[in-house]
PDB file of N, CA and C in Angstrom:
ATOM      1  N   MET A   1      13.192  15.183   0.150  1.00  0.00           N
ATOM      2  CA  MET A   1      12.189  14.490  -0.620  1.00  0.00           C
ATOM      3  C   MET A   1      12.820  13.248  -1.266  1.00  0.00           C
ATOM      4  N   ILE A   2      12.037  12.199  -1.342  1.00  0.00           N
ATOM      5  CA  ILE A   2      12.483  10.936  -1.936  1.00  0.00           C
ATOM      6  C   ILE A   2      11.608  10.640  -3.145  1.00  0.00           C
ATOM      7  N   SER A   3      12.248  10.299  -4.243  1.00  0.00           N
ATOM      8  CA  SER A   3      11.527   9.942  -5.470  1.00  0.00           C
ATOM      9  C   SER A   3      11.687   8.461  -5.751  1.00  0.00           C
ATOM     10  N   ILE A   4      10.585   7.848  -6.144  1.00  0.00           N
ATOM     11  CA  ILE A   4      10.571   6.430  -6.504  1.00  0.00           C
ATOM     12  C   ILE A   4       9.879   6.310  -7.860  1.00  0.00           C
ATOM     13  N   THR A   5      10.440   5.493  -8.725  1.00  0.00           N
ATOM     14  CA  THR A   5       9.788   5.140  -9.975  1.00  0.00           C
ATOM     15  C   THR A   5       9.696   3.622 -10.029  1.00  0.00           C
ATOM     16  N   ALA A   6       8.484   3.130 -10.211  1.00  0.00           N
ATOM     17  CA  ALA A   6       8.261   1.685 -10.336  1.00  0.00           C
ATOM     18  C   ALA A   6       7.689   1.418 -11.722  1.00  0.00           C
ATOM     19  N   ILE A   7       8.257   0.433 -12.402  1.00  0.00           N
ATOM     20  CA  ILE A   7       7.863   0.115 -13.776  1.00  0.00           C
ATOM     21  C   ILE A   7       7.563  -1.373 -13.864  1.00  0.00           C
ATOM     22  N   PHE A   8       6.435  -1.706 -14.479  1.00  0.00           N
ATOM     23  CA  PHE A   8       6.145  -3.111 -14.712  1.00  0.00           C
ATOM     24  C   PHE A   8       5.311  -3.282 -15.967  1.00  0.00           C
ATOM     25  N   LYS A   9       5.440  -4.460 -16.533  1.00  0.00           N
ATOM     26  CA  LYS A   9       4.731  -4.802 -17.764  1.00  0.00           C
ATOM     27  C   LYS A   9       3.703  -5.873 -17.439  1.00  0.00           C
ATOM     28  N   GLY A  10       2.451  -5.509 -17.618  1.00  0.00           N
ATOM     29  CA  GLY A  10       1.381  -6.460 -17.346  1.00  0.00           C
ATOM     30  C   GLY A  10       1.160  -7.398 -18.516  1.00  0.00           C
ATOM     31  N   LYS A  11       0.677  -8.571 -18.213  1.00  0.00           N
ATOM     32  CA  LYS A  11       0.256  -9.478 -19.274  1.00  0.00           C
ATOM     33  C   LYS A  11      -1.021  -8.888 -19.873  1.00  0.00           C
ATOM     34  N   PRO A  12      -1.066  -8.728 -21.197  1.00  0.00           N
ATOM     35  CA  PRO A  12      -2.196  -8.019 -21.834  1.00  0.00           C
ATOM     36  C   PRO A  12      -3.573  -8.539 -21.424  1.00  0.00           C
ATOM     37  N   GLU A  13      -3.700  -9.822 -21.203  1.00  0.00           N
ATOM     38  CA  GLU A  13      -4.999 -10.391 -20.855  1.00  0.00           C
ATOM     39  C   GLU A  13      -5.454  -9.997 -19.442  1.00  0.00           C
ATOM     40  N   HIS A  14      -4.572  -9.375 -18.675  1.00  0.00           N
ATOM     41  CA  HIS A  14      -4.907  -8.972 -17.307  1.00  0.00           C
ATOM     42  C   HIS A  14      -5.002  -7.456 -17.129  1.00  0.00           C
ATOM     43  N   ASN A  15      -4.963  -6.695 -18.225  1.00  0.00           N
ATOM     44  CA  ASN A  15      -4.920  -5.234 -18.102  1.00  0.00           C
ATOM     45  C   ASN A  15      -6.095  -4.654 -17.317  1.00  0.00           C
ATOM     46  N   ASP A  16      -7.295  -5.150 -17.522  1.00  0.00           N
ATOM     47  CA  ASP A  16      -8.447  -4.619 -16.787  1.00  0.00           C
ATOM     48  C   ASP A  16      -8.293  -4.856 -15.286  1.00  0.00           C
ATOM     49  N   GLN A  17      -7.885  -6.051 -14.914  1.00  0.00           N
ATOM     50  CA  GLN A  17      -7.689  -6.376 -13.500  1.00  0.00           C
ATOM     51  C   GLN A  17      -6.570  -5.526 -12.902  1.00  0.00           C
ATOM     52  N   ILE A  18      -5.483  -5.361 -13.651  1.00  0.00           N
ATOM     53  CA  ILE A  18      -4.356  -4.553 -13.177  1.00  0.00           C
ATOM     54  C   ILE A  18      -4.802  -3.108 -12.955  1.00  0.00           C
ATOM     55  N   GLN A  19      -5.570  -2.562 -13.879  1.00  0.00           N
ATOM     56  CA  GLN A  19      -6.011  -1.175 -13.730  1.00  0.00           C
ATOM     57  C   GLN A  19      -6.900  -1.001 -12.504  1.00  0.00           C
ATOM     58  N   LYS A  20      -7.756  -1.956 -12.212  1.00  0.00           N
ATOM     59  CA  LYS A  20      -8.592  -1.888 -11.003  1.00  0.00           C
ATOM     60  C   LYS A  20      -7.722  -1.944  -9.751  1.00  0.00           C
ATOM     61  N   MET A  21      -6.740  -2.833  -9.753  1.00  0.00           N
ATOM     62  CA  MET A  21      -5.833  -2.948  -8.618  1.00  0.00           C
ATOM     63  C   MET A  21      -5.041  -1.656  -8.439  1.00  0.00           C
ATOM     64  N   MET A  22      -4.586  -1.086  -9.550  1.00  0.00           N
ATOM     65  CA  MET A  22      -3.804   0.145  -9.498  1.00  0.00           C
ATOM     66  C   MET A  22      -4.648   1.300  -8.959  1.00  0.00           C
ATOM     67  N   HIS A  23      -5.898   1.361  -9.384  1.00  0.00           N
ATOM     68  CA  HIS A  23      -6.782   2.426  -8.902  1.00  0.00           C
ATOM     69  C   HIS A  23      -6.891   2.369  -7.373  1.00  0.00           C
ATOM     70  N   HIS A  24      -7.072   1.170  -6.851  1.00  0.00           N
ATOM     71  CA  HIS A  24      -7.159   1.009  -5.395  1.00  0.00           C
ATOM     72  C   HIS A  24      -5.844   1.409  -4.718  1.00  0.00           C
ATOM     73  N   LEU A  25      -4.732   0.935  -5.253  1.00  0.00           N
ATOM     74  CA  LEU A  25      -3.427   1.246  -4.670  1.00  0.00           C
ATOM     75  C   LEU A  25      -3.177   2.751  -4.661  1.00  0.00           C
ATOM     76  N   VAL A  26      -3.422   3.405  -5.779  1.00  0.00           N
ATOM     77  CA  VAL A  26      -3.177   4.851  -5.869  1.00  0.00           C
ATOM     78  C   VAL A  26      -4.089   5.603  -4.903  1.00  0.00           C
ATOM     79  N   THR A  27      -5.360   5.248  -4.884  1.00  0.00           N
ATOM     80  CA  THR A  27      -6.322   5.928  -4.009  1.00  0.00           C
ATOM     81  C   THR A  27      -5.917   5.815  -2.539  1.00  0.00           C
ATOM     82  N   GLU A  28      -5.554   4.618  -2.111  1.00  0.00           N
ATOM     83  CA  GLU A  28      -5.170   4.420  -0.708  1.00  0.00           C
ATOM     84  C   GLU A  28      -3.835   5.090  -0.380  1.00  0.00           C
ATOM     85  N   THR A  29      -2.887   5.005  -1.288  1.00  0.00           N
ATOM     86  CA  THR A  29      -1.565   5.576  -1.037  1.00  0.00           C
ATOM     87  C   THR A  29      -1.627   7.086  -0.932  1.00  0.00           C
ATOM     88  N   ARG A  30      -2.437   7.721  -1.756  1.00  0.00           N
ATOM     89  CA  ARG A  30      -2.541   9.184  -1.712  1.00  0.00           C
ATOM     90  C   ARG A  30      -3.093   9.694  -0.381  1.00  0.00           C
ATOM     91  N   LYS A  31      -3.689   8.838   0.407  1.00  0.00           N
ATOM     92  CA  LYS A  31      -4.199   9.213   1.733  1.00  0.00           C
ATOM     93  C   LYS A  31      -3.092   9.276   2.776  1.00  0.00           C
ATOM     94  N   GLU A  32      -1.946   8.711   2.473  1.00  0.00           N
ATOM     95  CA  GLU A  32      -0.853   8.652   3.433  1.00  0.00           C
ATOM     96  C   GLU A  32      -0.238  10.041   3.628  1.00  0.00           C
ATOM     97  N   THR A  33       0.046  10.372   4.875  1.00  0.00           N
ATOM     98  CA  THR A  33       0.532  11.699   5.238  1.00  0.00           C
ATOM     99  C   THR A  33       1.818  12.088   4.517  1.00  0.00           C
ATOM    100  N   ALA A  34       2.751  11.180   4.375  1.00  0.00           N
ATOM    101  CA  ALA A  34       4.058  11.494   3.777  1.00  0.00           C
ATOM    102  C   ALA A  34       4.048  11.466   2.246  1.00  0.00           C
ATOM    103  N   CYS A  35       2.929  11.076   1.656  1.00  0.00           N
ATOM    104  CA  CYS A  35       2.847  10.986   0.193  1.00  0.00           C
ATOM    105  C   CYS A  35       2.645  12.370  -0.403  1.00  0.00           C
ATOM    106  N   LEU A  36       3.617  12.805  -1.192  1.00  0.00           N
ATOM    107  CA  LEU A  36       3.516  14.087  -1.884  1.00  0.00           C
ATOM    108  C   LEU A  36       2.965  13.916  -3.295  1.00  0.00           C
ATOM    109  N   ARG A  37       3.274  12.789  -3.904  1.00  0.00           N
ATOM    110  CA  ARG A  37       2.809  12.505  -5.269  1.00  0.00           C
ATOM    111  C   ARG A  37       2.815  10.998  -5.457  1.00  0.00           C
ATOM    112  N   TYR A  38       1.772  10.498  -6.097  1.00  0.00           N
ATOM    113  CA  TYR A  38       1.694   9.079  -6.421  1.00  0.00           C
ATOM    114  C   TYR A  38       0.864   8.983  -7.686  1.00  0.00           C
ATOM    115  N   ASP A  39       1.529   9.045  -8.816  1.00  0.00           N
ATOM    116  CA  ASP A  39       0.859   9.119 -10.113  1.00  0.00           C
ATOM    117  C   ASP A  39       1.088   7.847 -10.910  1.00  0.00           C
ATOM    118  N   LEU A  40       0.074   7.459 -11.635  1.00  0.00           N
ATOM    119  CA  LEU A  40       0.143   6.273 -12.492  1.00  0.00           C
ATOM    120  C   LEU A  40       0.131   6.711 -13.944  1.00  0.00           C
ATOM    121  N   HIS A  41       1.072   6.179 -14.703  1.00  0.00           N
ATOM    122  CA  HIS A  41       1.153   6.417 -16.150  1.00  0.00           C
ATOM    123  C   HIS A  41       1.120   5.055 -16.831  1.00  0.00           C
ATOM    124  N   ALA A  42       0.611   5.024 -18.055  1.00  0.00           N
ATOM    125  CA  ALA A  42       0.544   3.749 -18.778  1.00  0.00           C
ATOM    126  C   ALA A  42       0.704   3.973 -20.268  1.00  0.00           C
ATOM    127  N   ALA A  43       1.265   2.979 -20.914  1.00  0.00           N
ATOM    128  CA  ALA A  43       1.358   2.902 -22.370  1.00  0.00           C
ATOM    129  C   ALA A  43       1.139   1.437 -22.721  1.00  0.00           C
ATOM    130  N   GLU A  44      -0.011   1.166 -23.311  1.00  0.00           N
ATOM    131  CA  GLU A  44      -0.424  -0.209 -23.596  1.00  0.00           C
ATOM    132  C   GLU A  44      -0.403  -1.008 -22.298  1.00  0.00           C
ATOM    133  N   ASN A  45       0.454  -1.993 -22.182  1.00  0.00           N
ATOM    134  CA  ASN A  45       0.469  -2.808 -20.965  1.00  0.00           C
ATOM    135  C   ASN A  45       1.695  -2.534 -20.085  1.00  0.00           C
ATOM    136  N   VAL A  46       2.324  -1.380 -20.265  1.00  0.00           N
ATOM    137  CA  VAL A  46       3.429  -0.946 -19.408  1.00  0.00           C
ATOM    138  C   VAL A  46       2.888   0.110 -18.447  1.00  0.00           C
ATOM    139  N   PHE A  47       3.133  -0.093 -17.160  1.00  0.00           N
ATOM    140  CA  PHE A  47       2.648   0.811 -16.132  1.00  0.00           C
ATOM    141  C   PHE A  47       3.829   1.418 -15.389  1.00  0.00           C
ATOM    142  N   ILE A  48       3.734   2.709 -15.116  1.00  0.00           N
ATOM    143  CA  ILE A  48       4.787   3.426 -14.407  1.00  0.00           C
ATOM    144  C   ILE A  48       4.143   4.181 -13.250  1.00  0.00           C
ATOM    145  N   ILE A  49       4.659   3.957 -12.051  1.00  0.00           N
ATOM    146  CA  ILE A  49       4.214   4.703 -10.884  1.00  0.00           C
ATOM    147  C   ILE A  49       5.325   5.687 -10.532  1.00  0.00           C
ATOM    148  N   TRP A  50       4.955   6.955 -10.481  1.00  0.00           N
ATOM    149  CA  TRP A  50       5.910   8.008 -10.122  1.00  0.00           C
ATOM    150  C   TRP A  50       5.523   8.497  -8.738  1.00  0.00           C
ATOM    151  N   GLU A  51       6.440   8.337  -7.782  1.00  0.00           N
ATOM    152  CA  GLU A  51       6.158   8.634  -6.384  1.00  0.00           C
ATOM    153  C   GLU A  51       7.115   9.692  -5.852  1.00  0.00           C
ATOM    154  N   GLU A  52       6.600  10.538  -4.974  1.00  0.00           N
ATOM    155  CA  GLU A  52       7.444  11.453  -4.213  1.00  0.00           C
ATOM    156  C   GLU A  52       6.985  11.399  -2.762  1.00  0.00           C
ATOM    157  N   TRP A  53       7.968  11.249  -1.870  1.00  0.00           N
ATOM    158  CA  TRP A  53       7.700  11.081  -0.443  1.00  0.00           C
ATOM    159  C   TRP A  53       8.401  12.164   0.345  1.00  0.00           C
ATOM    160  N   LYS A  54       7.756  12.607   1.411  1.00  0.00           N
ATOM    161  CA  LYS A  54       8.295  13.670   2.263  1.00  0.00           C
ATOM    162  C   LYS A  54       9.628  13.268   2.881  1.00  0.00           C
ATOM    163  N   ASP A  55       9.707  12.009   3.353  1.00  0.00           N
ATOM    164  CA  ASP A  55      10.924  11.577   4.033  1.00  0.00           C
ATOM    165  C   ASP A  55      10.970  10.048   4.100  1.00  0.00           C
ATOM    166  N   GLN A  56      12.111   9.529   4.535  1.00  0.00           N
ATOM    167  CA  GLN A  56      12.294   8.079   4.607  1.00  0.00           C
ATOM    168  C   GLN A  56      11.346   7.421   5.613  1.00  0.00           C
ATOM    169  N   PRO A  57      11.119   8.006   6.788  1.00  0.00           N
ATOM    170  CA  PRO A  57      10.161   7.372   7.698  1.00  0.00           C
ATOM    171  C   PRO A  57       8.763   7.223   7.068  1.00  0.00           C
ATOM    172  N   GLY A  58       8.341   8.222   6.308  1.00  0.00           N
ATOM    173  CA  GLY A  58       7.042   8.127   5.634  1.00  0.00           C
ATOM    174  C   GLY A  58       7.026   7.044   4.571  1.00  0.00           C
ATOM    175  N   LEU A  59       8.127   6.909   3.843  1.00  0.00           N
ATOM    176  CA  LEU A  59       8.232   5.843   2.841  1.00  0.00           C
ATOM    177  C   LEU A  59       8.251   4.482   3.525  1.00  0.00           C
ATOM    178  N   ASP A  60       8.921   4.392   4.659  1.00  0.00           N
ATOM    179  CA  ASP A  60       8.947   3.132   5.405  1.00  0.00           C
ATOM    180  C   ASP A  60       7.536   2.730   5.849  1.00  0.00           C
ATOM    181  N   ILE A  61       6.756   3.699   6.301  1.00  0.00           N
ATOM    182  CA  ILE A  61       5.370   3.415   6.687  1.00  0.00           C
ATOM    183  C   ILE A  61       4.585   2.913   5.471  1.00  0.00           C
ATOM    184  N   HIS A  62       4.759   3.580   4.334  1.00  0.00           N
ATOM    185  CA  HIS A  62       4.080   3.150   3.102  1.00  0.00           C
ATOM    186  C   HIS A  62       4.441   1.707   2.768  1.00  0.00           C
ATOM    187  N   ASN A  63       5.719   1.391   2.868  1.00  0.00           N
ATOM    188  CA  ASN A  63       6.175   0.047   2.501  1.00  0.00           C
ATOM    189  C   ASN A  63       5.627  -1.047   3.411  1.00  0.00           C
ATOM    190  N   SER A  64       5.072  -0.658   4.551  1.00  0.00           N
ATOM    191  CA  SER A  64       4.496  -1.649   5.460  1.00  0.00           C
ATOM    192  C   SER A  64       2.961  -1.665   5.429  1.00  0.00           C
ATOM    193  N   GLN A  65       2.363  -0.879   4.556  1.00  0.00           N
ATOM    194  CA  GLN A  65       0.901  -0.789   4.494  1.00  0.00           C
ATOM    195  C   GLN A  65       0.281  -2.046   3.875  1.00  0.00           C
ATOM    196  N   PRO A  66      -0.855  -2.487   4.386  1.00  0.00           N
ATOM    197  CA  PRO A  66      -1.527  -3.668   3.832  1.00  0.00           C
ATOM    198  C   PRO A  66      -1.922  -3.504   2.361  1.00  0.00           C
ATOM    199  N   HIS A  67      -2.312  -2.298   1.956  1.00  0.00           N
ATOM    200  CA  HIS A  67      -2.721  -2.141   0.550  1.00  0.00           C
ATOM    201  C   HIS A  67      -1.541  -2.333  -0.406  1.00  0.00           C
ATOM    202  N   LEU A  68      -0.341  -1.987   0.015  1.00  0.00           N
ATOM    203  CA  LEU A  68       0.834  -2.231  -0.822  1.00  0.00           C
ATOM    204  C   LEU A  68       1.210  -3.707  -0.803  1.00  0.00           C
ATOM    205  N   ALA A  69       1.197  -4.320   0.357  1.00  0.00           N
ATOM    206  CA  ALA A  69       1.528  -5.748   0.473  1.00  0.00           C
ATOM    207  C   ALA A  69       0.544  -6.594  -0.335  1.00  0.00           C
ATOM    208  N   ASP A  70      -0.740  -6.267  -0.258  1.00  0.00           N
ATOM    209  CA  ASP A  70      -1.747  -6.993  -1.040  1.00  0.00           C
ATOM    210  C   ASP A  70      -1.496  -6.837  -2.537  1.00  0.00           C
ATOM    211  N   PHE A  71      -1.202  -5.607  -2.944  1.00  0.00           N
ATOM    212  CA  PHE A  71      -0.935  -5.356  -4.360  1.00  0.00           C
ATOM    213  C   PHE A  71       0.254  -6.183  -4.840  1.00  0.00           C
ATOM    214  N   ILE A  72       1.335  -6.145  -4.102  1.00  0.00           N
ATOM    215  CA  ILE A  72       2.553  -6.865  -4.504  1.00  0.00           C
ATOM    216  C   ILE A  72       2.291  -8.365  -4.592  1.00  0.00           C
ATOM    217  N   SER A  73       1.571  -8.918  -3.643  1.00  0.00           N
ATOM    218  CA  SER A  73       1.323 -10.364  -3.681  1.00  0.00           C
ATOM    219  C   SER A  73       0.393 -10.752  -4.831  1.00  0.00           C
ATOM    220  N   GLN A  74      -0.550  -9.890  -5.171  1.00  0.00           N
ATOM    221  CA  GLN A  74      -1.505 -10.206  -6.235  1.00  0.00           C
ATOM    222  C   GLN A  74      -0.949  -9.948  -7.636  1.00  0.00           C
ATOM    223  N   ILE A  75      -0.064  -8.971  -7.766  1.00  0.00           N
ATOM    224  CA  ILE A  75       0.406  -8.568  -9.094  1.00  0.00           C
ATOM    225  C   ILE A  75       1.408  -9.554  -9.682  1.00  0.00           C
ATOM    226  N   ARG A  76       2.047 -10.338  -8.855  1.00  0.00           N
ATOM    227  CA  ARG A  76       3.119 -11.238  -9.321  1.00  0.00           C
ATOM    228  C   ARG A  76       2.703 -12.129 -10.483  1.00  0.00           C
ATOM    229  N   ASP A  77       1.490 -12.643 -10.444  1.00  0.00           N
ATOM    230  CA  ASP A  77       1.024 -13.540 -11.507  1.00  0.00           C
ATOM    231  C   ASP A  77       0.468 -12.791 -12.719  1.00  0.00           C
ATOM    232  N   LEU A  78       0.350 -11.475 -12.617  1.00  0.00           N
ATOM    233  CA  LEU A  78      -0.264 -10.687 -13.683  1.00  0.00           C
ATOM    234  C   LEU A  78       0.744  -9.931 -14.532  1.00  0.00           C
ATOM    235  N   VAL A  79       2.016 -10.014 -14.175  1.00  0.00           N
ATOM    236  CA  VAL A  79       3.061  -9.297 -14.912  1.00  0.00           C
ATOM    237  C   VAL A  79       3.947 -10.286 -15.667  1.00  0.00           C
ATOM    238  N   SER A  80       4.528  -9.776 -16.746  1.00  0.00           N
ATOM    239  CA  SER A  80       5.384 -10.644 -17.557  1.00  0.00           C
ATOM    240  C   SER A  80       6.835 -10.618 -17.091  1.00  0.00           C
ATOM    241  N   ASP A  81       7.230  -9.595 -16.342  1.00  0.00           N
ATOM    242  CA  ASP A  81       8.588  -9.457 -15.816  1.00  0.00           C
ATOM    243  C   ASP A  81       8.491  -8.932 -14.387  1.00  0.00           C
ATOM    244  N   PRO A  82       9.531  -9.118 -13.581  1.00  0.00           N
ATOM    245  CA  PRO A  82       9.507  -8.557 -12.225  1.00  0.00           C
ATOM    246  C   PRO A  82       9.374  -7.031 -12.253  1.00  0.00           C
ATOM    247  N   ILE A  83       8.758  -6.483 -11.226  1.00  0.00           N
ATOM    248  CA  ILE A  83       8.630  -5.029 -11.107  1.00  0.00           C
ATOM    249  C   ILE A  83      10.012  -4.427 -10.876  1.00  0.00           C
ATOM    250  N   GLN A  84      10.310  -3.358 -11.600  1.00  0.00           N
ATOM    251  CA  GLN A  84      11.563  -2.634 -11.427  1.00  0.00           C
ATOM    252  C   GLN A  84      11.276  -1.401 -10.575  1.00  0.00           C
ATOM    253  N   VAL A  85      12.027  -1.223  -9.505  1.00  0.00           N
ATOM    254  CA  VAL A  85      11.831  -0.078  -8.619  1.00  0.00           C
ATOM    255  C   VAL A  85      13.148   0.681  -8.514  1.00  0.00           C
ATOM    256  N   TYR A  86      13.074   1.997  -8.747  1.00  0.00           N
ATOM    257  CA  TYR A  86      14.254   2.853  -8.694  1.00  0.00           C
ATOM    258  C   TYR A  86      14.021   3.956  -7.669  1.00  0.00           C
ATOM    259  N   LYS A  87      14.921   4.074  -6.719  1.00  0.00           N
ATOM    260  CA  LYS A  87      14.909   5.181  -5.770  1.00  0.00           C
ATOM    261  C   LYS A  87      15.929   6.188  -6.293  1.00  0.00           C
ATOM    262  N   THR A  88      15.467   7.389  -6.615  1.00  0.00           N
ATOM    263  CA  THR A  88      16.337   8.351  -7.296  1.00  0.00           C
ATOM    264  C   THR A  88      16.387   9.673  -6.551  1.00  0.00           C
ATOM    265  N   SER A  89      17.375  10.469  -6.925  1.00  0.00           N
ATOM    266  CA  SER A  89      17.528  11.837  -6.433  1.00  0.00           C
ATOM    267  C   SER A  89      17.547  12.780  -7.622  1.00  0.00           C
ATOM    268  N   GLN A  90      16.887  13.898  -7.472  1.00  0.00           N
ATOM    269  CA  GLN A  90      16.880  14.884  -8.545  1.00  0.00           C
ATOM    270  C   GLN A  90      18.262  15.515  -8.673  1.00  0.00           C
ATOM    271  N   ILE A  91      18.767  15.612  -9.910  1.00  0.00           N
ATOM    272  CA  ILE A  91      20.099  16.180 -10.107  1.00  0.00           C
ATOM    273  C   ILE A  91      20.055  17.512 -10.865  1.00  0.00           C
ATOM    274  N   LEU A  92      18.942  17.837 -11.459  1.00  0.00           N
ATOM    275  CA  LEU A  92      18.794  19.142 -12.132  1.00  0.00           C
ATOM    276  C   LEU A  92      17.464  19.749 -11.790  1.00  0.00           C
TER     277      LEU A  92
END
């Protein structure tokens, strides 16, 4: 299993638009066969996506999906800092 955590801070004036975009991204991603978990968490204008993938080939397919590419290209102007993405392994 592969775990990914993505963190980004939206510009407050774009929170409604970001939430709509996130809803679409989460809905489409959860349809992917290798997706075990794709959860969105938020605190004010900080968004955290917690992902778990069955395997690397499934994650590679996700990374090439149009809904992810569209999200990444559209979100750039709506965030105050670059998106931070961490690929992690469970240690406990």
